[in-house]
């Protein structure tokens, strides 16, 4: 498996988006395309060609699961692994997300100093 470089990050809260962007880009050294909504992700994802999609779950309009479902209908993105970032981390909720084909779940609030390492370790599996 190649090294992870390009991450599509979908998060509607601007403050959280900024912190995660710093954590992934500046601290982690990833190339990150940040989108403020599922609709924006659908418009931008294909051109960015992400290796991994990191998405919030609860968003207005298209939520995380609906966004991922729509992204997977784009042939070039159909097999891109997905990780959800959410405060919904009860075991039944995590099992539900994994049943949707999500690789893993990172709980919010997240620690910006270890976020890049969390993503790398999920990628390494």
PDB file of N, CA and C in Angstrom:
ATOM      1  N   UNK A   1       0.847  -1.189   0.000  1.00  0.00           N
ATOM      2  CA  UNK A   1       0.000   0.000   0.000  1.00  0.00           C
ATOM      3  C   UNK A   1       0.890   1.250   0.000  1.00  0.00           C
ATOM      4  N   UNK A   2       0.534   2.214  -0.799  1.00  0.00           N
ATOM      5  CA  UNK A   2       1.349   3.428  -0.897  1.00  0.00           C
ATOM      6  C   UNK A   2       1.159   4.311   0.339  1.00  0.00           C
ATOM      7  N   UNK A   3       2.069   5.249   0.511  1.00  0.00           N
ATOM      8  CA  UNK A   3       1.947   6.195   1.613  1.00  0.00           C
ATOM      9  C   UNK A   3       0.738   7.087   1.396  1.00  0.00           C
ATOM     10  N   UNK A   4       0.096   7.433   2.478  1.00  0.00           N
ATOM     11  CA  UNK A   4      -1.057   8.323   2.419  1.00  0.00           C
ATOM     12  C   UNK A   4      -0.573   9.761   2.250  1.00  0.00           C
ATOM     13  N   UNK A   5      -1.080  10.438   1.228  1.00  0.00           N
ATOM     14  CA  UNK A   5      -0.706  11.830   0.988  1.00  0.00           C
ATOM     15  C   UNK A   5      -1.914  12.749   0.911  1.00  0.00           C
ATOM     16  N   UNK A   6      -2.966  12.339   0.171  1.00  0.00           N
ATOM     17  CA  UNK A   6      -4.113  13.221  -0.103  1.00  0.00           C
ATOM     18  C   UNK A   6      -5.358  12.810   0.675  1.00  0.00           C
ATOM     19  N   UNK A   7      -5.841  13.736   1.494  1.00  0.00           N
ATOM     20  CA  UNK A   7      -7.036  13.488   2.304  1.00  0.00           C
ATOM     21  C   UNK A   7      -8.110  14.508   1.950  1.00  0.00           C
ATOM     22  N   UNK A   8      -9.306  14.017   1.651  1.00  0.00           N
ATOM     23  CA  UNK A   8     -10.476  14.881   1.508  1.00  0.00           C
ATOM     24  C   UNK A   8     -11.129  14.950   2.882  1.00  0.00           C
ATOM     25  N   UNK A   9     -11.279  16.164   3.403  1.00  0.00           N
ATOM     26  CA  UNK A   9     -11.819  16.348   4.745  1.00  0.00           C
ATOM     27  C   UNK A   9     -13.121  17.138   4.673  1.00  0.00           C
ATOM     28  N   UNK A  10     -14.201  16.555   5.204  1.00  0.00           N
ATOM     29  CA  UNK A  10     -15.526  17.174   5.127  1.00  0.00           C
ATOM     30  C   UNK A  10     -16.016  17.480   6.545  1.00  0.00           C
ATOM     31  N   UNK A  11     -16.200  18.774   6.828  1.00  0.00           N
ATOM     32  CA  UNK A  11     -16.613  19.212   8.168  1.00  0.00           C
ATOM     33  C   UNK A  11     -17.331  20.554   8.033  1.00  0.00           C
ATOM     34  N   UNK A  12     -18.570  20.638   8.576  1.00  0.00           N
ATOM     35  CA  UNK A  12     -19.348  21.875   8.416  1.00  0.00           C
ATOM     36  C   UNK A  12     -18.985  22.959   9.427  1.00  0.00           C
ATOM     37  N   UNK A  13     -18.407  22.604  10.564  1.00  0.00           N
ATOM     38  CA  UNK A  13     -18.047  23.605  11.589  1.00  0.00           C
ATOM     39  C   UNK A  13     -16.692  24.218  11.259  1.00  0.00           C
ATOM     40  N   UNK A  14     -16.669  25.525  10.990  1.00  0.00           N
ATOM     41  CA  UNK A  14     -15.440  26.198  10.561  1.00  0.00           C
ATOM     42  C   UNK A  14     -14.298  26.066  11.569  1.00  0.00           C
ATOM     43  N   UNK A  15     -14.590  26.207  12.866  1.00  0.00           N
ATOM     44  CA  UNK A  15     -13.532  26.122  13.887  1.00  0.00           C
ATOM     45  C   UNK A  15     -12.886  24.744  13.890  1.00  0.00           C
ATOM     46  N   UNK A  16     -13.713  23.712  13.857  1.00  0.00           N
ATOM     47  CA  UNK A  16     -13.199  22.339  13.865  1.00  0.00           C
ATOM     48  C   UNK A  16     -12.407  22.084  12.584  1.00  0.00           C
ATOM     49  N   UNK A  17     -12.930  22.587  11.465  1.00  0.00           N
ATOM     50  CA  UNK A  17     -12.259  22.405  10.176  1.00  0.00           C
ATOM     51  C   UNK A  17     -10.856  23.019  10.211  1.00  0.00           C
ATOM     52  N   UNK A  18     -10.740  24.231  10.773  1.00  0.00           N
ATOM     53  CA  UNK A  18      -9.435  24.902  10.850  1.00  0.00           C
ATOM     54  C   UNK A  18      -8.449  24.120  11.708  1.00  0.00           C
ATOM     55  N   UNK A  19      -8.885  23.659  12.874  1.00  0.00           N
ATOM     56  CA  UNK A  19      -8.003  22.907  13.777  1.00  0.00           C
ATOM     57  C   UNK A  19      -7.548  21.605  13.115  1.00  0.00           C
ATOM     58  N   UNK A  20      -8.480  20.889  12.496  1.00  0.00           N
ATOM     59  CA  UNK A  20      -8.136  19.618  11.845  1.00  0.00           C
ATOM     60  C   UNK A  20      -7.213  19.850  10.652  1.00  0.00           C
ATOM     61  N   UNK A  21      -7.446  20.928   9.928  1.00  0.00           N
ATOM     62  CA  UNK A  21      -6.597  21.264   8.786  1.00  0.00           C
ATOM     63  C   UNK A  21      -5.165  21.512   9.245  1.00  0.00           C
ATOM     64  N   UNK A  22      -5.009  22.276  10.319  1.00  0.00           N
ATOM     65  CA  UNK A  22      -3.671  22.495  10.879  1.00  0.00           C
ATOM     66  C   UNK A  22      -3.053  21.167  11.313  1.00  0.00           C
ATOM     67  N   UNK A  23      -3.843  20.337  11.999  1.00  0.00           N
ATOM     68  CA  UNK A  23      -3.344  19.061  12.509  1.00  0.00           C
ATOM     69  C   UNK A  23      -2.889  18.137  11.380  1.00  0.00           C
ATOM     70  N   UNK A  24      -3.660  18.105  10.294  1.00  0.00           N
ATOM     71  CA  UNK A  24      -3.355  17.188   9.193  1.00  0.00           C
ATOM     72  C   UNK A  24      -2.317  17.747   8.230  1.00  0.00           C
ATOM     73  N   UNK A  25      -2.405  19.040   7.953  1.00  0.00           N
ATOM     74  CA  UNK A  25      -1.536  19.674   6.972  1.00  0.00           C
ATOM     75  C   UNK A  25      -0.196  20.065   7.601  1.00  0.00           C
ATOM     76  N   UNK A  26      -0.240  20.958   8.583  1.00  0.00           N
ATOM     77  CA  UNK A  26       0.988  21.481   9.184  1.00  0.00           C
ATOM     78  C   UNK A  26       1.701  20.422  10.032  1.00  0.00           C
ATOM     79  N   UNK A  27       0.967  19.796  10.963  1.00  0.00           N
ATOM     80  CA  UNK A  27       1.566  18.787  11.840  1.00  0.00           C
ATOM     81  C   UNK A  27       1.809  17.479  11.089  1.00  0.00           C
ATOM     82  N   UNK A  28       0.812  17.048  10.316  1.00  0.00           N
ATOM     83  CA  UNK A  28       0.888  15.729   9.682  1.00  0.00           C
ATOM     84  C   UNK A  28       1.568  15.693   8.326  1.00  0.00           C
ATOM     85  N   UNK A  29       1.643  16.841   7.657  1.00  0.00           N
ATOM     86  CA  UNK A  29       2.293  16.882   6.350  1.00  0.00           C
ATOM     87  C   UNK A  29       1.467  16.334   5.199  1.00  0.00           C
ATOM     88  N   UNK A  30       0.160  16.176   5.416  1.00  0.00           N
ATOM     89  CA  UNK A  30      -0.713  15.682   4.351  1.00  0.00           C
ATOM     90  C   UNK A  30      -1.133  16.829   3.435  1.00  0.00           C
ATOM     91  N   UNK A  31      -1.506  16.486   2.221  1.00  0.00           N
ATOM     92  CA  UNK A  31      -2.172  17.423   1.334  1.00  0.00           C
ATOM     93  C   UNK A  31      -3.662  17.241   1.593  1.00  0.00           C
ATOM     94  N   UNK A  32      -4.319  18.298   2.070  1.00  0.00           N
ATOM     95  CA  UNK A  32      -5.708  18.181   2.502  1.00  0.00           C
ATOM     96  C   UNK A  32      -6.600  19.131   1.703  1.00  0.00           C
ATOM     97  N   UNK A  33      -7.703  18.586   1.212  1.00  0.00           N
ATOM     98  CA  UNK A  33      -8.749  19.392   0.581  1.00  0.00           C
ATOM     99  C   UNK A  33      -9.892  19.430   1.587  1.00  0.00           C
ATOM    100  N   UNK A  34     -10.157  20.611   2.152  1.00  0.00           N
ATOM    101  CA  UNK A  34     -11.214  20.730   3.148  1.00  0.00           C
ATOM    102  C   UNK A  34     -12.491  21.239   2.497  1.00  0.00           C
ATOM    103  N   UNK A  35     -13.593  20.588   2.789  1.00  0.00           N
ATOM    104  CA  UNK A  35     -14.898  20.975   2.259  1.00  0.00           C
ATOM    105  C   UNK A  35     -15.839  21.256   3.424  1.00  0.00           C
ATOM    106  N   UNK A  36     -16.657  22.294   3.273  1.00  0.00           N
ATOM    107  CA  UNK A  36     -17.559  22.711   4.347  1.00  0.00           C
ATOM    108  C   UNK A  36     -18.908  21.990   4.313  1.00  0.00           C
ATOM    109  N   UNK A  37     -19.144  21.170   3.284  1.00  0.00           N
ATOM    110  CA  UNK A  37     -20.429  20.470   3.175  1.00  0.00           C
ATOM    111  C   UNK A  37     -20.295  19.248   2.276  1.00  0.00           C
ATOM    112  N   UNK A  38     -21.278  18.378   2.379  1.00  0.00           N
ATOM    113  CA  UNK A  38     -21.320  17.222   1.490  1.00  0.00           C
ATOM    114  C   UNK A  38     -21.419  17.647   0.040  1.00  0.00           C
ATOM    115  N   UNK A  39     -22.203  18.700  -0.222  1.00  0.00           N
ATOM    116  CA  UNK A  39     -22.357  19.185  -1.590  1.00  0.00           C
ATOM    117  C   UNK A  39     -21.021  19.663  -2.151  1.00  0.00           C
ATOM    118  N   UNK A  40     -20.255  20.398  -1.332  1.00  0.00           N
ATOM    119  CA  UNK A  40     -18.953  20.888  -1.771  1.00  0.00           C
ATOM    120  C   UNK A  40     -18.016  19.698  -2.039  1.00  0.00           C
ATOM    121  N   UNK A  41     -18.072  18.691  -1.185  1.00  0.00           N
ATOM    122  CA  UNK A  41     -17.232  17.500  -1.375  1.00  0.00           C
ATOM    123  C   UNK A  41     -17.562  16.814  -2.702  1.00  0.00           C
ATOM    124  N   UNK A  42     -18.856  16.717  -3.013  1.00  0.00           N
ATOM    125  CA  UNK A  42     -19.254  16.091  -4.274  1.00  0.00           C
ATOM    126  C   UNK A  42     -18.722  16.866  -5.474  1.00  0.00           C
ATOM    127  N   UNK A  43     -18.672  18.199  -5.344  1.00  0.00           N
ATOM    128  CA  UNK A  43     -18.197  19.036  -6.441  1.00  0.00           C
ATOM    129  C   UNK A  43     -16.674  18.982  -6.599  1.00  0.00           C
ATOM    130  N   UNK A  44     -15.957  18.801  -5.493  1.00  0.00           N
ATOM    131  CA  UNK A  44     -14.500  18.927  -5.502  1.00  0.00           C
ATOM    132  C   UNK A  44     -13.735  17.606  -5.485  1.00  0.00           C
ATOM    133  N   UNK A  45     -14.341  16.552  -4.991  1.00  0.00           N
ATOM    134  CA  UNK A  45     -13.610  15.320  -4.686  1.00  0.00           C
ATOM    135  C   UNK A  45     -12.917  14.689  -5.893  1.00  0.00           C
ATOM    136  N   UNK A  46     -13.621  14.565  -6.992  1.00  0.00           N
ATOM    137  CA  UNK A  46     -13.068  13.845  -8.134  1.00  0.00           C
ATOM    138  C   UNK A  46     -11.786  14.500  -8.648  1.00  0.00           C
ATOM    139  N   UNK A  47     -11.767  15.817  -8.755  1.00  0.00           N
ATOM    140  CA  UNK A  47     -10.590  16.528  -9.252  1.00  0.00           C
ATOM    141  C   UNK A  47      -9.408  16.397  -8.290  1.00  0.00           C
ATOM    142  N   UNK A  48      -9.700  16.312  -6.973  1.00  0.00           N
ATOM    143  CA  UNK A  48      -8.636  16.205  -5.972  1.00  0.00           C
ATOM    144  C   UNK A  48      -8.071  14.784  -5.902  1.00  0.00           C
ATOM    145  N   UNK A  49      -8.865  13.777  -6.264  1.00  0.00           N
ATOM    146  CA  UNK A  49      -8.470  12.365  -6.229  1.00  0.00           C
ATOM    147  C   UNK A  49      -7.893  11.944  -4.872  1.00  0.00           C
ATOM    148  N   UNK A  50      -8.716  12.016  -3.820  1.00  0.00           N
ATOM    149  CA  UNK A  50      -8.212  11.676  -2.489  1.00  0.00           C
ATOM    150  C   UNK A  50      -7.880  10.191  -2.355  1.00  0.00           C
ATOM    151  N   UNK A  51      -6.934   9.890  -1.455  1.00  0.00           N
ATOM    152  CA  UNK A  51      -6.628   8.496  -1.120  1.00  0.00           C
ATOM    153  C   UNK A  51      -7.461   8.055   0.078  1.00  0.00           C
ATOM    154  N   UNK A  52      -7.923   9.044   0.851  1.00  0.00           N
ATOM    155  CA  UNK A  52      -8.713   8.780   2.047  1.00  0.00           C
ATOM    156  C   UNK A  52      -9.717   9.912   2.206  1.00  0.00           C
ATOM    157  N   UNK A  53     -10.921   9.560   2.665  1.00  0.00           N
ATOM    158  CA  UNK A  53     -11.947  10.572   2.941  1.00  0.00           C
ATOM    159  C   UNK A  53     -12.203  10.565   4.439  1.00  0.00           C
ATOM    160  N   UNK A  54     -12.073  11.742   5.050  1.00  0.00           N
ATOM    161  CA  UNK A  54     -12.331  11.933   6.469  1.00  0.00           C
ATOM    162  C   UNK A  54     -13.565  12.813   6.543  1.00  0.00           C
ATOM    163  N   UNK A  55     -14.638  12.318   7.173  1.00  0.00           N
ATOM    164  CA  UNK A  55     -15.891  13.069   7.136  1.00  0.00           C
ATOM    165  C   UNK A  55     -16.575  13.153   8.491  1.00  0.00           C
ATOM    166  N   UNK A  56     -17.143  14.318   8.755  1.00  0.00           N
ATOM    167  CA  UNK A  56     -18.046  14.498   9.880  1.00  0.00           C
ATOM    168  C   UNK A  56     -19.302  13.666   9.580  1.00  0.00           C
ATOM    169  N   UNK A  57     -20.066  13.335  10.611  1.00  0.00           N
ATOM    170  CA  UNK A  57     -21.303  12.577  10.407  1.00  0.00           C
ATOM    171  C   UNK A  57     -22.509  13.509  10.361  1.00  0.00           C
ATOM    172  N   UNK A  58     -22.633  14.372  11.378  1.00  0.00           N
ATOM    173  CA  UNK A  58     -23.806  15.240  11.469  1.00  0.00           C
ATOM    174  C   UNK A  58     -23.520  16.579  10.792  1.00  0.00           C
ATOM    175  N   UNK A  59     -24.128  16.764   9.619  1.00  0.00           N
ATOM    176  CA  UNK A  59     -23.983  18.011   8.865  1.00  0.00           C
ATOM    177  C   UNK A  59     -25.335  18.361   8.280  1.00  0.00           C
ATOM    178  N   UNK A  60     -25.617  19.665   8.115  1.00  0.00           N
ATOM    179  CA  UNK A  60     -26.879  20.046   7.468  1.00  0.00           C
ATOM    180  C   UNK A  60     -26.863  19.636   5.996  1.00  0.00           C
ATOM    181  N   UNK A  61     -28.035  19.455   5.426  1.00  0.00           N
ATOM    182  CA  UNK A  61     -28.102  19.020   4.027  1.00  0.00           C
ATOM    183  C   UNK A  61     -27.717  17.556   3.951  1.00  0.00           C
ATOM    184  N   UNK A  62     -26.654  17.270   3.217  1.00  0.00           N
ATOM    185  CA  UNK A  62     -26.160  15.889   3.134  1.00  0.00           C
ATOM    186  C   UNK A  62     -25.348  15.584   4.378  1.00  0.00           C
ATOM    187  N   UNK A  63     -25.775  14.609   5.172  1.00  0.00           N
ATOM    188  CA  UNK A  63     -24.956  14.223   6.322  1.00  0.00           C
ATOM    189  C   UNK A  63     -23.819  13.314   5.846  1.00  0.00           C
ATOM    190  N   UNK A  64     -22.972  12.894   6.780  1.00  0.00           N
ATOM    191  CA  UNK A  64     -21.821  12.071   6.411  1.00  0.00           C
ATOM    192  C   UNK A  64     -22.189  10.814   5.637  1.00  0.00           C
ATOM    193  N   UNK A  65     -23.089   9.972   6.174  1.00  0.00           N
ATOM    194  CA  UNK A  65     -23.453   8.756   5.435  1.00  0.00           C
ATOM    195  C   UNK A  65     -24.014   9.030   4.041  1.00  0.00           C
ATOM    196  N   UNK A  66     -24.860  10.063   3.898  1.00  0.00           N
ATOM    197  CA  UNK A  66     -25.429  10.382   2.581  1.00  0.00           C
ATOM    198  C   UNK A  66     -24.346  10.892   1.631  1.00  0.00           C
ATOM    199  N   UNK A  67     -23.401  11.676   2.159  1.00  0.00           N
ATOM    200  CA  UNK A  67     -22.301  12.184   1.346  1.00  0.00           C
ATOM    201  C   UNK A  67     -21.443  11.037   0.837  1.00  0.00           C
ATOM    202  N   UNK A  68     -21.103  10.119   1.726  1.00  0.00           N
ATOM    203  CA  UNK A  68     -20.252   8.986   1.343  1.00  0.00           C
ATOM    204  C   UNK A  68     -20.961   8.125   0.293  1.00  0.00           C
ATOM    205  N   UNK A  69     -22.264   7.890   0.508  1.00  0.00           N
ATOM    206  CA  UNK A  69     -23.030   7.104  -0.457  1.00  0.00           C
ATOM    207  C   UNK A  69     -22.970   7.756  -1.847  1.00  0.00           C
ATOM    208  N   UNK A  70     -23.132   9.084  -1.885  1.00  0.00           N
ATOM    209  CA  UNK A  70     -23.091   9.813  -3.159  1.00  0.00           C
ATOM    210  C   UNK A  70     -21.681   9.785  -3.765  1.00  0.00           C
ATOM    211  N   UNK A  71     -20.652   9.944  -2.931  1.00  0.00           N
ATOM    212  CA  UNK A  71     -19.275   9.908  -3.440  1.00  0.00           C
ATOM    213  C   UNK A  71     -18.941   8.542  -4.029  1.00  0.00           C
ATOM    214  N   UNK A  72     -19.469   7.489  -3.415  1.00  0.00           N
ATOM    215  CA  UNK A  72     -19.171   6.128  -3.893  1.00  0.00           C
ATOM    216  C   UNK A  72     -19.842   5.821  -5.231  1.00  0.00           C
ATOM    217  N   UNK A  73     -20.790   6.662  -5.629  1.00  0.00           N
ATOM    218  CA  UNK A  73     -21.423   6.481  -6.946  1.00  0.00           C
ATOM    219  C   UNK A  73     -20.554   7.058  -8.061  1.00  0.00           C
ATOM    220  N   UNK A  74     -19.487   7.786  -7.700  1.00  0.00           N
ATOM    221  CA  UNK A  74     -18.529   8.304  -8.681  1.00  0.00           C
ATOM    222  C   UNK A  74     -17.466   7.219  -8.856  1.00  0.00           C
ATOM    223  N   UNK A  75     -17.354   6.621 -10.054  1.00  0.00           N
ATOM    224  CA  UNK A  75     -16.484   5.451 -10.233  1.00  0.00           C
ATOM    225  C   UNK A  75     -15.061   5.610  -9.689  1.00  0.00           C
ATOM    226  N   UNK A  76     -14.425   6.767  -9.891  1.00  0.00           N
ATOM    227  CA  UNK A  76     -13.045   6.938  -9.444  1.00  0.00           C
ATOM    228  C   UNK A  76     -12.924   7.043  -7.921  1.00  0.00           C
ATOM    229  N   UNK A  77     -14.052   7.239  -7.237  1.00  0.00           N
ATOM    230  CA  UNK A  77     -14.033   7.369  -5.778  1.00  0.00           C
ATOM    231  C   UNK A  77     -14.678   6.181  -5.067  1.00  0.00           C
ATOM    232  N   UNK A  78     -15.189   5.238  -5.828  1.00  0.00           N
ATOM    233  CA  UNK A  78     -15.975   4.143  -5.260  1.00  0.00           C
ATOM    234  C   UNK A  78     -15.219   3.330  -4.206  1.00  0.00           C
ATOM    235  N   UNK A  79     -13.894   3.209  -4.365  1.00  0.00           N
ATOM    236  CA  UNK A  79     -13.128   2.370  -3.446  1.00  0.00           C
ATOM    237  C   UNK A  79     -12.239   3.152  -2.480  1.00  0.00           C
ATOM    238  N   UNK A  80     -12.432   4.474  -2.414  1.00  0.00           N
ATOM    239  CA  UNK A  80     -11.608   5.276  -1.505  1.00  0.00           C
ATOM    240  C   UNK A  80     -12.063   5.007  -0.066  1.00  0.00           C
ATOM    241  N   UNK A  81     -11.119   4.629   0.814  1.00  0.00           N
ATOM    242  CA  UNK A  81     -11.496   4.357   2.211  1.00  0.00           C
ATOM    243  C   UNK A  81     -12.028   5.608   2.902  1.00  0.00           C
ATOM    244  N   UNK A  82     -12.960   5.385   3.844  1.00  0.00           N
ATOM    245  CA  UNK A  82     -13.615   6.478   4.561  1.00  0.00           C
ATOM    246  C   UNK A  82     -13.435   6.285   6.060  1.00  0.00           C
ATOM    247  N   UNK A  83     -13.139   7.395   6.744  1.00  0.00           N
ATOM    248  CA  UNK A  83     -13.100   7.417   8.205  1.00  0.00           C
ATOM    249  C   UNK A  83     -14.046   8.530   8.644  1.00  0.00           C
ATOM    250  N   UNK A  84     -14.940   8.213   9.586  1.00  0.00           N
ATOM    251  CA  UNK A  84     -15.825   9.237  10.131  1.00  0.00           C
ATOM    252  C   UNK A  84     -15.184   9.861  11.366  1.00  0.00           C
ATOM    253  N   UNK A  85     -15.393  11.165  11.529  1.00  0.00           N
ATOM    254  CA  UNK A  85     -15.010  11.867  12.763  1.00  0.00           C
ATOM    255  C   UNK A  85     -16.302  12.369  13.370  1.00  0.00           C
ATOM    256  N   UNK A  86     -16.610  11.887  14.573  1.00  0.00           N
ATOM    257  CA  UNK A  86     -17.910  12.197  15.151  1.00  0.00           C
ATOM    258  C   UNK A  86     -17.896  12.046  16.668  1.00  0.00           C
ATOM    259  N   UNK A  87     -18.847  12.708  17.299  1.00  0.00           N
ATOM    260  CA  UNK A  87     -19.047  12.521  18.736  1.00  0.00           C
ATOM    261  C   UNK A  87     -19.933  11.301  18.991  1.00  0.00           C
ATOM    262  N   UNK A  88     -20.514  10.754  17.918  1.00  0.00           N
ATOM    263  CA  UNK A  88     -21.400   9.581  18.050  1.00  0.00           C
ATOM    264  C   UNK A  88     -20.545   8.317  18.057  1.00  0.00           C
ATOM    265  N   UNK A  89     -20.048   7.962  19.243  1.00  0.00           N
ATOM    266  CA  UNK A  89     -19.098   6.848  19.312  1.00  0.00           C
ATOM    267  C   UNK A  89     -19.536   5.738  20.269  1.00  0.00           C
ATOM    268  N   UNK A  90     -20.848   5.614  20.476  1.00  0.00           N
ATOM    269  CA  UNK A  90     -21.338   4.459  21.226  1.00  0.00           C
ATOM    270  C   UNK A  90     -21.064   3.221  20.375  1.00  0.00           C
ATOM    271  N   UNK A  91     -20.816   2.061  21.013  1.00  0.00           N
ATOM    272  CA  UNK A  91     -20.496   0.855  20.229  1.00  0.00           C
ATOM    273  C   UNK A  91     -21.506   0.550  19.123  1.00  0.00           C
ATOM    274  N   UNK A  92     -22.816   0.720  19.389  1.00  0.00           N
ATOM    275  CA  UNK A  92     -23.812   0.437  18.346  1.00  0.00           C
ATOM    276  C   UNK A  92     -23.710   1.448  17.208  1.00  0.00           C
ATOM    277  N   UNK A  93     -23.355   2.696  17.527  1.00  0.00           N
ATOM    278  CA  UNK A  93     -23.200   3.703  16.477  1.00  0.00           C
ATOM    279  C   UNK A  93     -21.979   3.383  15.609  1.00  0.00           C
ATOM    280  N   UNK A  94     -20.868   3.029  16.260  1.00  0.00           N
ATOM    281  CA  UNK A  94     -19.656   2.663  15.511  1.00  0.00           C
ATOM    282  C   UNK A  94     -19.925   1.444  14.629  1.00  0.00           C
ATOM    283  N   UNK A  95     -20.616   0.445  15.180  1.00  0.00           N
ATOM    284  CA  UNK A  95     -20.959  -0.743  14.381  1.00  0.00           C
ATOM    285  C   UNK A  95     -21.819  -0.372  13.184  1.00  0.00           C
ATOM    286  N   UNK A  96     -22.754   0.553  13.382  1.00  0.00           N
ATOM    287  CA  UNK A  96     -23.605   1.012  12.276  1.00  0.00           C
ATOM    288  C   UNK A  96     -22.751   1.661  11.184  1.00  0.00           C
ATOM    289  N   UNK A  97     -21.831   2.550  11.583  1.00  0.00           N
ATOM    290  CA  UNK A  97     -20.971   3.218  10.591  1.00  0.00           C
ATOM    291  C   UNK A  97     -20.125   2.192   9.839  1.00  0.00           C
ATOM    292  N   UNK A  98     -19.594   1.220  10.569  1.00  0.00           N
ATOM    293  CA  UNK A  98     -18.767   0.198   9.910  1.00  0.00           C
ATOM    294  C   UNK A  98     -19.616  -0.649   8.956  1.00  0.00           C
ATOM    295  N   UNK A  99     -20.907  -0.828   9.289  1.00  0.00           N
ATOM    296  CA  UNK A  99     -21.793  -1.581   8.390  1.00  0.00           C
ATOM    297  C   UNK A  99     -22.009  -0.823   7.082  1.00  0.00           C
ATOM    298  N   UNK A 100     -21.769   0.501   7.099  1.00  0.00           N
ATOM    299  CA  UNK A 100     -21.880   1.314   5.887  1.00  0.00           C
ATOM    300  C   UNK A 100     -20.597   1.251   5.056  1.00  0.00           C
ATOM    301  N   UNK A 101     -19.607   0.501   5.555  1.00  0.00           N
ATOM    302  CA  UNK A 101     -18.354   0.367   4.820  1.00  0.00           C
ATOM    303  C   UNK A 101     -17.281   1.356   5.253  1.00  0.00           C
ATOM    304  N   UNK A 102     -17.489   1.983   6.402  1.00  0.00           N
ATOM    305  CA  UNK A 102     -16.503   2.940   6.918  1.00  0.00           C
ATOM    306  C   UNK A 102     -15.371   2.167   7.579  1.00  0.00           C
ATOM    307  N   UNK A 103     -14.143   2.584   7.284  1.00  0.00           N
ATOM    308  CA  UNK A 103     -12.952   1.913   7.793  1.00  0.00           C
ATOM    309  C   UNK A 103     -12.841   2.010   9.306  1.00  0.00           C
ATOM    310  N   UNK A 104     -13.069   3.209   9.841  1.00  0.00           N
ATOM    311  CA  UNK A 104     -12.946   3.415  11.281  1.00  0.00           C
ATOM    312  C   UNK A 104     -13.634   4.716  11.668  1.00  0.00           C
ATOM    313  N   UNK A 105     -13.657   4.983  12.983  1.00  0.00           N
ATOM    314  CA  UNK A 105     -14.286   6.183  13.510  1.00  0.00           C
ATOM    315  C   UNK A 105     -13.300   6.848  14.474  1.00  0.00           C
ATOM    316  N   UNK A 106     -13.063   8.146  14.285  1.00  0.00           N
ATOM    317  CA  UNK A 106     -12.238   8.926  15.211  1.00  0.00           C
ATOM    318  C   UNK A 106     -13.201   9.785  16.009  1.00  0.00           C
ATOM    319  N   UNK A 107     -13.081   9.724  17.339  1.00  0.00           N
ATOM    320  CA  UNK A 107     -14.058  10.444  18.158  1.00  0.00           C
ATOM    321  C   UNK A 107     -13.718  11.919  18.278  1.00  0.00           C
ATOM    322  N   UNK A 108     -14.776  12.713  18.361  1.00  0.00           N
ATOM    323  CA  UNK A 108     -14.668  14.143  18.625  1.00  0.00           C
ATOM    324  C   UNK A 108     -15.076  14.365  20.066  1.00  0.00           C
ATOM    325  N   UNK A 109     -14.474  15.307  20.772  1.00  0.00           N
ATOM    326  CA  UNK A 109     -13.393  16.145  20.264  1.00  0.00           C
ATOM    327  C   UNK A 109     -12.110  15.321  20.083  1.00  0.00           C
ATOM    328  N   UNK A 110     -11.346  15.643  19.051  1.00  0.00           N
ATOM    329  CA  UNK A 110     -10.109  14.920  18.776  1.00  0.00           C
ATOM    330  C   UNK A 110      -8.928  15.734  19.301  1.00  0.00           C
ATOM    331  N   UNK A 111      -7.794  15.071  19.464  1.00  0.00           N
ATOM    332  CA  UNK A 111      -6.573  15.747  19.906  1.00  0.00           C
ATOM    333  C   UNK A 111      -5.781  16.135  18.665  1.00  0.00           C
ATOM    334  N   UNK A 112      -5.650  17.455  18.383  1.00  0.00           N
ATOM    335  CA  UNK A 112      -4.967  17.868  17.151  1.00  0.00           C
ATOM    336  C   UNK A 112      -3.511  17.404  17.073  1.00  0.00           C
ATOM    337  N   UNK A 113      -2.886  17.177  18.219  1.00  0.00           N
ATOM    338  CA  UNK A 113      -1.489  16.769  18.193  1.00  0.00           C
ATOM    339  C   UNK A 113      -1.315  15.307  17.768  1.00  0.00           C
ATOM    340  N   UNK A 114      -2.350  14.494  17.933  1.00  0.00           N
ATOM    341  CA  UNK A 114      -2.213  13.084  17.539  1.00  0.00           C
ATOM    342  C   UNK A 114      -3.111  12.689  16.365  1.00  0.00           C
ATOM    343  N   UNK A 115      -3.913  13.633  15.844  1.00  0.00           N
ATOM    344  CA  UNK A 115      -4.850  13.301  14.764  1.00  0.00           C
ATOM    345  C   UNK A 115      -4.137  12.682  13.560  1.00  0.00           C
ATOM    346  N   UNK A 116      -3.030  13.281  13.121  1.00  0.00           N
ATOM    347  CA  UNK A 116      -2.316  12.754  11.951  1.00  0.00           C
ATOM    348  C   UNK A 116      -1.829  11.324  12.214  1.00  0.00           C
ATOM    349  N   UNK A 117      -1.345  11.058  13.426  1.00  0.00           N
ATOM    350  CA  UNK A 117      -0.890   9.703  13.761  1.00  0.00           C
ATOM    351  C   UNK A 117      -2.058   8.719  13.793  1.00  0.00           C
ATOM    352  N   UNK A 118      -3.219   9.165  14.306  1.00  0.00           N
ATOM    353  CA  UNK A 118      -4.413   8.302  14.304  1.00  0.00           C
ATOM    354  C   UNK A 118      -4.772   7.922  12.868  1.00  0.00           C
ATOM    355  N   UNK A 119      -4.763   8.917  11.981  1.00  0.00           N
ATOM    356  CA  UNK A 119      -5.109   8.670  10.578  1.00  0.00           C
ATOM    357  C   UNK A 119      -4.095   7.724   9.947  1.00  0.00           C
ATOM    358  N   UNK A 120      -2.800   7.954  10.211  1.00  0.00           N
ATOM    359  CA  UNK A 120      -1.752   7.069   9.659  1.00  0.00           C
ATOM    360  C   UNK A 120      -1.913   5.638  10.143  1.00  0.00           C
ATOM    361  N   UNK A 121      -2.241   5.456  11.424  1.00  0.00           N
ATOM    362  CA  UNK A 121      -2.356   4.082  11.926  1.00  0.00           C
ATOM    363  C   UNK A 121      -3.579   3.384  11.343  1.00  0.00           C
ATOM    364  N   UNK A 122      -4.675   4.119  11.123  1.00  0.00           N
ATOM    365  CA  UNK A 122      -5.849   3.534  10.457  1.00  0.00           C
ATOM    366  C   UNK A 122      -5.474   3.160   9.021  1.00  0.00           C
ATOM    367  N   UNK A 123      -4.759   4.043   8.328  1.00  0.00           N
ATOM    368  CA  UNK A 123      -4.334   3.806   6.950  1.00  0.00           C
ATOM    369  C   UNK A 123      -3.443   2.563   6.854  1.00  0.00           C
ATOM    370  N   UNK A 124      -2.579   2.371   7.844  1.00  0.00           N
ATOM    371  CA  UNK A 124      -1.615   1.263   7.841  1.00  0.00           C
ATOM    372  C   UNK A 124      -2.303  -0.099   7.960  1.00  0.00           C
ATOM    373  N   UNK A 125      -3.522  -0.116   8.548  1.00  0.00           N
ATOM    374  CA  UNK A 125      -4.244  -1.393   8.702  1.00  0.00           C
ATOM    375  C   UNK A 125      -4.684  -1.810   7.336  1.00  0.00           C
TER     376      UNK A 125
END
